[in-house]
């Protein structure tokens, strides 16, 4: 799996926007944006990336929650790439698939579980890949020391049960964290 942070050097206030592709960009890989942010420079960045011969630039978008720094660019991304849009919040315009939590989604060449985590907002979700220990958290608060045990009661059981398998955390803001 290849993961690119498209907003790493953004000069605007925006969330991290992760483009996830399969390692080999095969036709079966599902090229995915996790969040779309608010910096329209990502459209040119996506257009310049080789996502695979005969493949769409973006197959799907998953919105971790509906705050504007994570979802403002949704109409422009929909116009530019016409991906399937997935979100827990049905009030966002242009949603094709309402996430329910505990479902599995293909992202790149891997399967991820959608975990509803209503801590930061009522529509927040995390995405966990058991195969490689990747966890995309949006703005769900995660302790810097990786120790959920101190405050485990505030976290959904579905997140707690996988916590020992997490190796890398992709946050909505800031740096990637590794165990």
N, C-alpha and C. Protein backbone atom coordinates (compact mmCIF):
# COMPACT_ATOMS: atom_id res chain seq x y z
N UNK A 1 0.85 -1.16 0.00
CA UNK A 1 0.00 0.00 0.00
C UNK A 1 0.90 1.23 0.00
N UNK A 2 0.57 2.21 -0.84
CA UNK A 2 1.28 3.49 -0.90
C UNK A 2 0.37 4.57 -0.30
N UNK A 3 0.93 5.38 0.58
CA UNK A 3 0.17 6.43 1.24
C UNK A 3 0.91 7.75 1.04
N UNK A 4 0.22 8.73 0.46
CA UNK A 4 0.80 10.05 0.21
C UNK A 4 -0.04 11.10 0.93
N UNK A 5 0.61 11.94 1.74
CA UNK A 5 -0.07 13.06 2.37
C UNK A 5 -0.03 14.23 1.39
N UNK A 6 -1.16 14.54 0.78
CA UNK A 6 -1.23 15.58 -0.25
C UNK A 6 -1.17 17.00 0.31
N UNK A 7 -1.38 17.17 1.60
CA UNK A 7 -1.40 18.51 2.19
C UNK A 7 -0.24 18.74 3.16
N UNK A 8 0.76 17.90 3.06
CA UNK A 8 1.89 17.97 3.99
C UNK A 8 2.54 19.37 4.04
N UNK A 9 2.66 20.04 2.90
CA UNK A 9 3.28 21.36 2.86
C UNK A 9 2.28 22.47 2.55
N UNK A 10 1.02 22.25 2.87
CA UNK A 10 -0.01 23.23 2.58
C UNK A 10 0.20 24.52 3.37
N UNK A 11 -0.09 25.63 2.72
CA UNK A 11 0.02 26.93 3.37
C UNK A 11 -1.35 27.39 3.91
N UNK A 12 -2.39 26.61 3.65
CA UNK A 12 -3.73 26.91 4.14
C UNK A 12 -4.04 26.04 5.35
N UNK A 13 -5.02 26.49 6.15
CA UNK A 13 -5.48 25.63 7.24
C UNK A 13 -6.35 24.54 6.62
N UNK A 14 -5.92 23.32 6.77
CA UNK A 14 -6.61 22.17 6.21
C UNK A 14 -6.24 20.94 7.02
N UNK A 15 -7.01 19.90 6.86
CA UNK A 15 -6.64 18.61 7.46
C UNK A 15 -5.59 17.95 6.58
N UNK A 16 -4.98 16.90 7.12
CA UNK A 16 -4.19 16.03 6.26
C UNK A 16 -5.14 15.36 5.29
N UNK A 17 -4.70 15.21 4.05
CA UNK A 17 -5.47 14.48 3.04
C UNK A 17 -4.55 13.38 2.55
N UNK A 18 -4.96 12.13 2.77
CA UNK A 18 -4.14 10.99 2.40
C UNK A 18 -4.68 10.34 1.14
N UNK A 19 -3.82 10.18 0.14
CA UNK A 19 -4.14 9.41 -1.06
C UNK A 19 -3.54 8.04 -0.85
N UNK A 20 -4.38 7.01 -0.93
CA UNK A 20 -3.92 5.64 -0.70
C UNK A 20 -4.11 4.85 -1.98
N UNK A 21 -3.03 4.22 -2.42
CA UNK A 21 -3.05 3.41 -3.64
C UNK A 21 -2.50 2.03 -3.31
N UNK A 22 -2.79 1.08 -4.18
CA UNK A 22 -2.20 -0.23 -4.04
C UNK A 22 -0.72 -0.17 -4.39
N UNK A 23 0.04 -1.09 -3.87
CA UNK A 23 1.48 -1.12 -4.10
C UNK A 23 1.82 -1.15 -5.59
N UNK A 24 1.03 -1.90 -6.36
CA UNK A 24 1.32 -2.07 -7.79
C UNK A 24 0.32 -1.36 -8.68
N UNK A 25 -0.62 -0.60 -8.11
CA UNK A 25 -1.64 0.11 -8.88
C UNK A 25 -2.39 -0.80 -9.85
N UNK A 26 -2.78 -1.98 -9.37
CA UNK A 26 -3.51 -2.90 -10.24
C UNK A 26 -4.94 -2.41 -10.43
N UNK A 27 -5.61 -2.95 -11.41
CA UNK A 27 -6.97 -2.54 -11.74
C UNK A 27 -7.94 -2.80 -10.58
N UNK A 28 -7.64 -3.78 -9.72
CA UNK A 28 -8.50 -4.11 -8.58
C UNK A 28 -8.28 -3.22 -7.36
N UNK A 29 -7.16 -2.49 -7.33
CA UNK A 29 -6.89 -1.60 -6.21
C UNK A 29 -7.88 -0.44 -6.22
N UNK A 30 -8.29 -0.02 -5.05
CA UNK A 30 -9.25 1.08 -4.93
C UNK A 30 -8.50 2.32 -4.44
N UNK A 31 -8.17 3.20 -5.37
CA UNK A 31 -7.46 4.44 -5.03
C UNK A 31 -8.41 5.32 -4.23
N UNK A 32 -7.96 5.69 -3.03
CA UNK A 32 -8.85 6.31 -2.05
C UNK A 32 -8.24 7.57 -1.46
N UNK A 33 -9.07 8.58 -1.29
CA UNK A 33 -8.71 9.76 -0.49
C UNK A 33 -9.35 9.61 0.87
N UNK A 34 -8.55 9.74 1.92
CA UNK A 34 -9.10 9.83 3.27
C UNK A 34 -9.12 11.31 3.59
N UNK A 35 -10.32 11.87 3.65
CA UNK A 35 -10.61 13.29 3.79
C UNK A 35 -10.20 14.03 2.51
N UNK A 36 -10.75 15.23 2.35
CA UNK A 36 -10.44 16.03 1.16
C UNK A 36 -9.88 17.40 1.54
N UNK A 37 -10.00 17.77 2.79
CA UNK A 37 -9.43 19.02 3.25
C UNK A 37 -10.09 20.24 2.64
N UNK A 38 -9.32 21.35 2.63
CA UNK A 38 -9.83 22.61 2.13
C UNK A 38 -8.85 23.31 1.18
N UNK A 39 -7.77 22.65 0.82
CA UNK A 39 -6.74 23.23 -0.05
C UNK A 39 -6.89 22.66 -1.46
N UNK A 40 -7.38 23.49 -2.39
CA UNK A 40 -7.65 22.99 -3.74
C UNK A 40 -6.39 22.65 -4.54
N UNK A 41 -5.21 22.90 -4.00
CA UNK A 41 -3.98 22.50 -4.70
C UNK A 41 -3.85 20.98 -4.81
N UNK A 42 -4.60 20.25 -3.99
CA UNK A 42 -4.49 18.78 -4.06
C UNK A 42 -5.01 18.23 -5.39
N UNK A 43 -5.90 18.96 -6.05
CA UNK A 43 -6.45 18.47 -7.33
C UNK A 43 -5.33 18.34 -8.35
N UNK A 44 -4.48 19.34 -8.47
CA UNK A 44 -3.35 19.27 -9.40
C UNK A 44 -2.36 18.19 -8.98
N UNK A 45 -2.17 18.03 -7.68
CA UNK A 45 -1.26 16.98 -7.19
C UNK A 45 -1.78 15.61 -7.58
N UNK A 46 -3.08 15.40 -7.41
CA UNK A 46 -3.67 14.10 -7.77
C UNK A 46 -3.54 13.86 -9.27
N UNK A 47 -3.82 14.88 -10.07
CA UNK A 47 -3.72 14.74 -11.52
C UNK A 47 -2.32 14.36 -11.96
N UNK A 48 -1.29 14.78 -11.23
CA UNK A 48 0.11 14.50 -11.59
C UNK A 48 0.61 13.13 -11.13
N UNK A 49 -0.16 12.45 -10.28
CA UNK A 49 0.27 11.15 -9.74
C UNK A 49 -0.18 10.02 -10.65
N UNK A 50 0.73 9.07 -10.89
CA UNK A 50 0.39 7.87 -11.66
C UNK A 50 -0.35 6.90 -10.75
N UNK A 51 -1.65 6.79 -10.95
CA UNK A 51 -2.46 5.89 -10.11
C UNK A 51 -2.71 4.55 -10.79
N UNK A 52 -2.11 4.34 -11.98
CA UNK A 52 -2.23 3.06 -12.66
C UNK A 52 -2.83 3.21 -14.04
N UNK A 53 -2.35 2.40 -14.94
CA UNK A 53 -2.79 2.43 -16.34
C UNK A 53 -4.27 2.05 -16.44
N UNK A 54 -5.05 2.91 -17.08
CA UNK A 54 -6.47 2.64 -17.28
C UNK A 54 -7.32 2.82 -16.04
N UNK A 55 -6.75 3.38 -14.97
CA UNK A 55 -7.48 3.55 -13.71
C UNK A 55 -7.90 5.00 -13.54
N UNK A 56 -8.96 5.18 -12.80
CA UNK A 56 -9.38 6.52 -12.41
C UNK A 56 -8.38 7.06 -11.41
N UNK A 57 -8.27 8.38 -11.33
CA UNK A 57 -7.34 9.00 -10.38
C UNK A 57 -7.79 8.78 -8.93
N UNK A 58 -9.10 8.83 -8.70
CA UNK A 58 -9.66 8.60 -7.37
C UNK A 58 -10.92 7.76 -7.53
N UNK A 59 -10.92 6.57 -6.91
CA UNK A 59 -12.09 5.70 -6.97
C UNK A 59 -13.09 6.02 -5.87
N UNK A 60 -12.57 6.35 -4.67
CA UNK A 60 -13.47 6.63 -3.55
C UNK A 60 -12.85 7.65 -2.61
N UNK A 61 -13.72 8.33 -1.88
CA UNK A 61 -13.33 9.27 -0.84
C UNK A 61 -14.02 8.80 0.44
N UNK A 62 -13.27 8.81 1.53
CA UNK A 62 -13.85 8.50 2.84
C UNK A 62 -13.63 9.72 3.73
N UNK A 63 -14.72 10.29 4.20
CA UNK A 63 -14.66 11.46 5.07
C UNK A 63 -14.68 10.98 6.51
N UNK A 64 -13.63 11.33 7.29
CA UNK A 64 -13.56 10.86 8.68
C UNK A 64 -14.56 11.58 9.57
N UNK A 65 -14.94 12.81 9.22
CA UNK A 65 -16.02 13.55 9.89
C UNK A 65 -16.29 14.81 9.08
N UNK A 66 -17.39 15.45 9.34
CA UNK A 66 -17.88 16.49 8.44
C UNK A 66 -17.38 17.91 8.70
N UNK A 67 -16.43 18.11 9.57
CA UNK A 67 -15.92 19.47 9.79
C UNK A 67 -15.27 20.00 8.52
N UNK A 68 -15.37 21.31 8.31
CA UNK A 68 -14.98 21.90 7.03
C UNK A 68 -13.51 21.70 6.68
N UNK A 69 -12.63 21.65 7.67
CA UNK A 69 -11.21 21.44 7.35
C UNK A 69 -10.94 20.03 6.81
N UNK A 70 -11.91 19.13 6.94
CA UNK A 70 -11.78 17.77 6.42
C UNK A 70 -12.64 17.53 5.17
N UNK A 71 -13.69 18.33 5.00
CA UNK A 71 -14.67 18.02 3.95
C UNK A 71 -15.00 19.17 3.00
N UNK A 72 -14.41 20.34 3.17
CA UNK A 72 -14.80 21.51 2.36
C UNK A 72 -14.60 21.32 0.87
N UNK A 73 -13.59 20.58 0.47
CA UNK A 73 -13.27 20.42 -0.95
C UNK A 73 -14.09 19.32 -1.63
N UNK A 74 -15.03 18.73 -0.91
CA UNK A 74 -15.81 17.61 -1.44
C UNK A 74 -16.48 17.92 -2.79
N UNK A 75 -17.17 19.04 -2.97
CA UNK A 75 -17.79 19.31 -4.28
C UNK A 75 -16.76 19.38 -5.42
N UNK A 76 -15.62 20.00 -5.18
CA UNK A 76 -14.59 20.11 -6.22
C UNK A 76 -13.98 18.75 -6.55
N UNK A 77 -13.78 17.91 -5.55
CA UNK A 77 -13.24 16.56 -5.79
C UNK A 77 -14.26 15.73 -6.56
N UNK A 78 -15.52 15.85 -6.20
CA UNK A 78 -16.59 15.13 -6.91
C UNK A 78 -16.63 15.57 -8.37
N UNK A 79 -16.53 16.87 -8.63
CA UNK A 79 -16.54 17.38 -10.01
C UNK A 79 -15.31 16.92 -10.79
N UNK A 80 -14.16 16.94 -10.16
CA UNK A 80 -12.91 16.62 -10.85
C UNK A 80 -12.74 15.13 -11.14
N UNK A 81 -13.14 14.27 -10.20
CA UNK A 81 -12.81 12.84 -10.32
C UNK A 81 -14.00 11.90 -10.26
N UNK A 82 -15.17 12.39 -9.86
CA UNK A 82 -16.39 11.60 -9.74
C UNK A 82 -16.19 10.28 -8.97
N UNK A 83 -15.58 10.36 -7.79
CA UNK A 83 -15.42 9.15 -6.99
C UNK A 83 -16.69 8.82 -6.21
N UNK A 84 -16.72 7.61 -5.65
CA UNK A 84 -17.76 7.24 -4.69
C UNK A 84 -17.40 7.94 -3.38
N UNK A 85 -18.38 8.61 -2.77
CA UNK A 85 -18.14 9.35 -1.53
C UNK A 85 -18.78 8.58 -0.37
N UNK A 86 -17.97 8.30 0.65
CA UNK A 86 -18.42 7.56 1.83
C UNK A 86 -18.25 8.44 3.08
N UNK A 87 -19.28 8.48 3.90
CA UNK A 87 -19.21 9.24 5.15
C UNK A 87 -20.26 8.72 6.10
N UNK A 88 -20.04 8.92 7.39
CA UNK A 88 -21.01 8.53 8.40
C UNK A 88 -22.16 9.52 8.44
N UNK A 89 -21.89 10.76 8.06
CA UNK A 89 -22.88 11.84 8.12
C UNK A 89 -23.67 11.92 6.83
N UNK A 90 -24.94 11.68 6.89
CA UNK A 90 -25.77 11.72 5.69
C UNK A 90 -26.17 13.15 5.32
N UNK A 91 -25.79 14.15 6.14
CA UNK A 91 -26.16 15.54 5.87
C UNK A 91 -25.19 16.24 4.92
N UNK A 92 -24.04 15.63 4.68
CA UNK A 92 -23.11 16.18 3.69
C UNK A 92 -23.70 15.97 2.30
N UNK A 93 -23.53 16.94 1.43
CA UNK A 93 -24.04 16.80 0.06
C UNK A 93 -23.13 15.90 -0.75
N UNK A 94 -23.73 15.07 -1.58
CA UNK A 94 -22.97 14.23 -2.51
C UNK A 94 -22.52 12.89 -1.97
N UNK A 95 -23.03 12.48 -0.82
CA UNK A 95 -22.64 11.19 -0.24
C UNK A 95 -23.31 10.06 -1.02
N UNK A 96 -22.50 9.09 -1.44
CA UNK A 96 -23.01 7.92 -2.17
C UNK A 96 -23.24 6.72 -1.26
N UNK A 97 -22.45 6.65 -0.18
CA UNK A 97 -22.53 5.50 0.71
C UNK A 97 -22.44 6.00 2.16
N UNK A 98 -23.47 5.72 2.94
CA UNK A 98 -23.48 6.08 4.36
C UNK A 98 -22.78 4.98 5.15
N UNK A 99 -21.71 5.35 5.84
CA UNK A 99 -20.98 4.39 6.66
C UNK A 99 -21.76 4.08 7.92
N UNK A 100 -21.76 2.83 8.33
CA UNK A 100 -22.50 2.41 9.50
C UNK A 100 -21.58 2.03 10.67
N UNK A 101 -20.33 1.84 10.40
CA UNK A 101 -19.42 1.33 11.42
C UNK A 101 -19.41 -0.18 11.38
N UNK A 102 -18.29 -0.78 11.67
CA UNK A 102 -18.07 -2.23 11.67
C UNK A 102 -18.13 -2.84 10.28
N UNK A 103 -18.15 -2.02 9.24
CA UNK A 103 -18.14 -2.57 7.89
C UNK A 103 -16.72 -2.58 7.35
N UNK A 104 -16.48 -3.39 6.33
CA UNK A 104 -15.17 -3.49 5.72
C UNK A 104 -15.18 -2.78 4.37
N UNK A 105 -14.11 -2.00 4.12
CA UNK A 105 -13.96 -1.30 2.85
C UNK A 105 -12.58 -1.61 2.28
N UNK A 106 -12.55 -1.79 0.98
CA UNK A 106 -11.26 -1.96 0.30
C UNK A 106 -10.67 -0.58 0.06
N UNK A 107 -9.43 -0.40 0.49
CA UNK A 107 -8.67 0.83 0.30
C UNK A 107 -7.31 0.40 -0.23
N UNK A 108 -6.95 0.89 -1.43
CA UNK A 108 -5.75 0.35 -2.08
C UNK A 108 -5.99 -1.12 -2.33
N UNK A 109 -5.04 -1.96 -1.88
CA UNK A 109 -5.23 -3.41 -2.02
C UNK A 109 -5.58 -4.08 -0.70
N UNK A 110 -5.83 -3.27 0.33
CA UNK A 110 -6.08 -3.79 1.67
C UNK A 110 -7.55 -3.62 2.08
N UNK A 111 -7.95 -4.38 3.08
CA UNK A 111 -9.28 -4.25 3.66
C UNK A 111 -9.15 -3.49 4.99
N UNK A 112 -10.03 -2.52 5.17
CA UNK A 112 -10.06 -1.69 6.37
C UNK A 112 -11.42 -1.83 7.04
N UNK A 113 -11.41 -1.84 8.37
CA UNK A 113 -12.67 -1.80 9.10
C UNK A 113 -12.99 -0.35 9.45
N UNK A 114 -14.24 0.02 9.26
CA UNK A 114 -14.73 1.34 9.66
C UNK A 114 -15.16 1.24 11.12
N UNK A 115 -14.60 2.12 11.95
CA UNK A 115 -14.91 2.12 13.38
C UNK A 115 -15.54 3.46 13.74
N UNK A 116 -16.78 3.45 14.15
CA UNK A 116 -17.45 4.69 14.55
C UNK A 116 -16.88 5.12 15.89
N UNK A 117 -16.32 6.34 15.94
CA UNK A 117 -15.67 6.85 17.15
C UNK A 117 -16.20 8.25 17.47
N UNK A 118 -17.39 8.35 18.05
CA UNK A 118 -18.01 9.65 18.29
C UNK A 118 -17.41 10.42 19.47
N UNK A 119 -16.12 10.66 19.41
CA UNK A 119 -15.45 11.39 20.49
C UNK A 119 -15.23 12.86 20.10
N UNK A 120 -14.67 13.10 18.94
CA UNK A 120 -14.43 14.46 18.46
C UNK A 120 -15.71 15.07 17.91
N UNK A 121 -16.47 14.26 17.18
CA UNK A 121 -17.77 14.68 16.65
C UNK A 121 -18.64 13.44 16.55
N UNK A 122 -19.94 13.63 16.45
CA UNK A 122 -20.86 12.48 16.43
C UNK A 122 -20.71 11.63 15.18
N UNK A 123 -20.12 12.19 14.12
CA UNK A 123 -19.98 11.43 12.86
C UNK A 123 -18.54 10.99 12.59
N UNK A 124 -17.69 11.00 13.61
CA UNK A 124 -16.28 10.61 13.41
C UNK A 124 -16.14 9.10 13.23
N UNK A 125 -15.26 8.74 12.28
CA UNK A 125 -14.90 7.34 12.08
C UNK A 125 -13.38 7.22 12.01
N UNK A 126 -12.90 6.05 12.38
CA UNK A 126 -11.51 5.65 12.18
C UNK A 126 -11.52 4.52 11.17
N UNK A 127 -10.40 4.31 10.51
CA UNK A 127 -10.25 3.24 9.52
C UNK A 127 -9.05 2.41 9.94
N UNK A 128 -9.27 1.11 10.17
CA UNK A 128 -8.20 0.23 10.65
C UNK A 128 -7.93 -0.91 9.69
N UNK A 129 -6.66 -1.09 9.35
CA UNK A 129 -6.23 -2.22 8.52
C UNK A 129 -5.46 -3.19 9.41
N UNK A 130 -6.07 -4.30 9.72
CA UNK A 130 -5.44 -5.29 10.58
C UNK A 130 -4.20 -5.88 9.93
N UNK A 131 -4.20 -5.99 8.61
CA UNK A 131 -3.10 -6.60 7.88
C UNK A 131 -1.76 -5.91 8.13
N UNK A 132 -1.74 -4.58 8.19
CA UNK A 132 -0.46 -3.89 8.40
C UNK A 132 -0.47 -2.96 9.62
N UNK A 133 -1.55 -2.91 10.36
CA UNK A 133 -1.60 -2.11 11.59
C UNK A 133 -1.79 -0.62 11.38
N UNK A 134 -2.30 -0.22 10.20
CA UNK A 134 -2.54 1.20 9.92
C UNK A 134 -3.87 1.63 10.50
N UNK A 135 -3.89 2.81 11.13
CA UNK A 135 -5.10 3.37 11.69
C UNK A 135 -5.20 4.83 11.28
N UNK A 136 -6.25 5.18 10.53
CA UNK A 136 -6.53 6.55 10.15
C UNK A 136 -7.58 7.05 11.13
N UNK A 137 -7.27 8.15 11.85
CA UNK A 137 -8.13 8.56 12.95
C UNK A 137 -8.87 9.88 12.73
N UNK A 138 -8.60 10.59 11.64
CA UNK A 138 -9.20 11.91 11.50
C UNK A 138 -8.83 12.75 12.72
N UNK A 139 -9.81 13.31 13.41
CA UNK A 139 -9.54 14.09 14.62
C UNK A 139 -9.92 13.35 15.90
N UNK A 140 -10.15 12.05 15.82
CA UNK A 140 -10.42 11.27 17.03
C UNK A 140 -9.19 11.37 17.93
N UNK A 141 -9.36 11.82 19.17
CA UNK A 141 -8.20 11.99 20.05
C UNK A 141 -7.59 10.64 20.44
N UNK A 142 -6.30 10.54 20.20
CA UNK A 142 -5.55 9.32 20.53
C UNK A 142 -4.36 9.75 21.39
N UNK A 143 -4.13 9.09 22.54
CA UNK A 143 -3.00 9.48 23.40
C UNK A 143 -1.67 9.39 22.66
N UNK A 144 -0.81 10.37 22.89
CA UNK A 144 0.51 10.38 22.25
C UNK A 144 1.35 9.17 22.62
N UNK A 145 1.13 8.63 23.80
CA UNK A 145 1.96 7.51 24.26
C UNK A 145 1.39 6.14 23.87
N UNK A 146 0.34 6.14 23.03
CA UNK A 146 -0.30 4.90 22.57
C UNK A 146 -0.95 4.12 23.71
N UNK A 147 -1.11 4.69 24.89
CA UNK A 147 -1.66 3.98 26.03
C UNK A 147 -3.14 4.31 26.21
N UNK A 148 -4.00 3.51 25.62
CA UNK A 148 -5.44 3.72 25.79
C UNK A 148 -5.94 3.23 27.14
N UNK A 149 -5.17 2.38 27.80
CA UNK A 149 -5.65 1.76 29.04
C UNK A 149 -6.02 2.79 30.10
N UNK A 150 -5.31 3.92 30.17
CA UNK A 150 -5.58 4.93 31.18
C UNK A 150 -6.99 5.52 31.05
N UNK A 151 -7.48 5.57 29.83
CA UNK A 151 -8.78 6.19 29.59
C UNK A 151 -9.64 5.32 28.67
N UNK A 152 -9.46 4.03 28.78
CA UNK A 152 -10.12 3.09 27.86
C UNK A 152 -11.64 3.22 27.86
N UNK A 153 -12.23 3.61 28.97
CA UNK A 153 -13.69 3.65 29.03
C UNK A 153 -14.30 4.66 28.06
N UNK A 154 -13.54 5.67 27.64
CA UNK A 154 -14.10 6.66 26.71
C UNK A 154 -14.00 6.22 25.25
N UNK A 155 -13.27 5.16 24.97
CA UNK A 155 -13.08 4.71 23.59
C UNK A 155 -14.03 3.56 23.26
N UNK A 156 -14.52 3.51 22.01
CA UNK A 156 -15.39 2.40 21.61
C UNK A 156 -14.67 1.05 21.74
N UNK A 157 -15.40 0.05 22.15
CA UNK A 157 -14.82 -1.30 22.31
C UNK A 157 -14.21 -1.79 21.01
N UNK A 158 -14.80 -1.41 19.87
CA UNK A 158 -14.27 -1.86 18.59
C UNK A 158 -12.86 -1.32 18.33
N UNK A 159 -12.54 -0.15 18.85
CA UNK A 159 -11.19 0.40 18.72
C UNK A 159 -10.25 -0.25 19.74
N UNK A 160 -10.71 -0.43 20.96
CA UNK A 160 -9.90 -1.04 22.01
C UNK A 160 -9.45 -2.45 21.62
N UNK A 161 -10.33 -3.23 21.01
CA UNK A 161 -9.99 -4.62 20.71
C UNK A 161 -8.85 -4.75 19.70
N UNK A 162 -8.62 -3.72 18.89
CA UNK A 162 -7.55 -3.75 17.90
C UNK A 162 -6.30 -2.99 18.33
N UNK A 163 -6.38 -2.29 19.44
CA UNK A 163 -5.33 -1.35 19.79
C UNK A 163 -3.94 -1.98 19.82
N UNK A 164 -3.83 -3.21 20.31
CA UNK A 164 -2.51 -3.86 20.39
C UNK A 164 -1.93 -4.16 19.01
N UNK A 165 -2.76 -4.12 17.96
CA UNK A 165 -2.30 -4.39 16.60
C UNK A 165 -1.89 -3.12 15.84
N UNK A 166 -2.20 -1.95 16.39
CA UNK A 166 -1.90 -0.69 15.71
C UNK A 166 -0.40 -0.45 15.71
N UNK A 167 0.12 -0.16 14.51
CA UNK A 167 1.55 0.14 14.36
C UNK A 167 1.79 1.58 13.92
N UNK A 168 0.87 2.11 13.11
CA UNK A 168 1.03 3.44 12.56
C UNK A 168 -0.30 4.18 12.63
N UNK A 169 -0.27 5.42 13.13
CA UNK A 169 -1.47 6.24 13.23
C UNK A 169 -1.34 7.43 12.29
N UNK A 170 -2.32 7.57 11.41
CA UNK A 170 -2.40 8.68 10.47
C UNK A 170 -3.47 9.64 11.00
N UNK A 171 -3.00 10.77 11.53
CA UNK A 171 -3.90 11.73 12.18
C UNK A 171 -4.42 12.75 11.16
N UNK A 172 -5.52 13.38 11.51
CA UNK A 172 -6.10 14.41 10.67
C UNK A 172 -5.25 15.67 10.61
N UNK A 173 -4.40 15.87 11.61
CA UNK A 173 -3.51 17.02 11.66
C UNK A 173 -2.19 16.54 12.25
N UNK A 174 -1.10 17.08 11.79
CA UNK A 174 0.19 16.74 12.37
C UNK A 174 0.85 15.56 11.69
N UNK A 175 1.85 15.07 12.37
CA UNK A 175 2.72 14.02 11.83
C UNK A 175 2.11 12.63 12.00
N UNK A 176 2.57 11.72 11.15
CA UNK A 176 2.26 10.31 11.30
C UNK A 176 2.98 9.81 12.55
N UNK A 177 2.28 8.99 13.35
CA UNK A 177 2.88 8.44 14.57
C UNK A 177 3.08 6.94 14.43
N UNK A 178 4.22 6.48 14.83
CA UNK A 178 4.56 5.05 14.75
C UNK A 178 4.91 4.52 16.13
N UNK A 179 4.50 3.28 16.39
CA UNK A 179 4.85 2.64 17.68
C UNK A 179 6.31 2.31 17.69
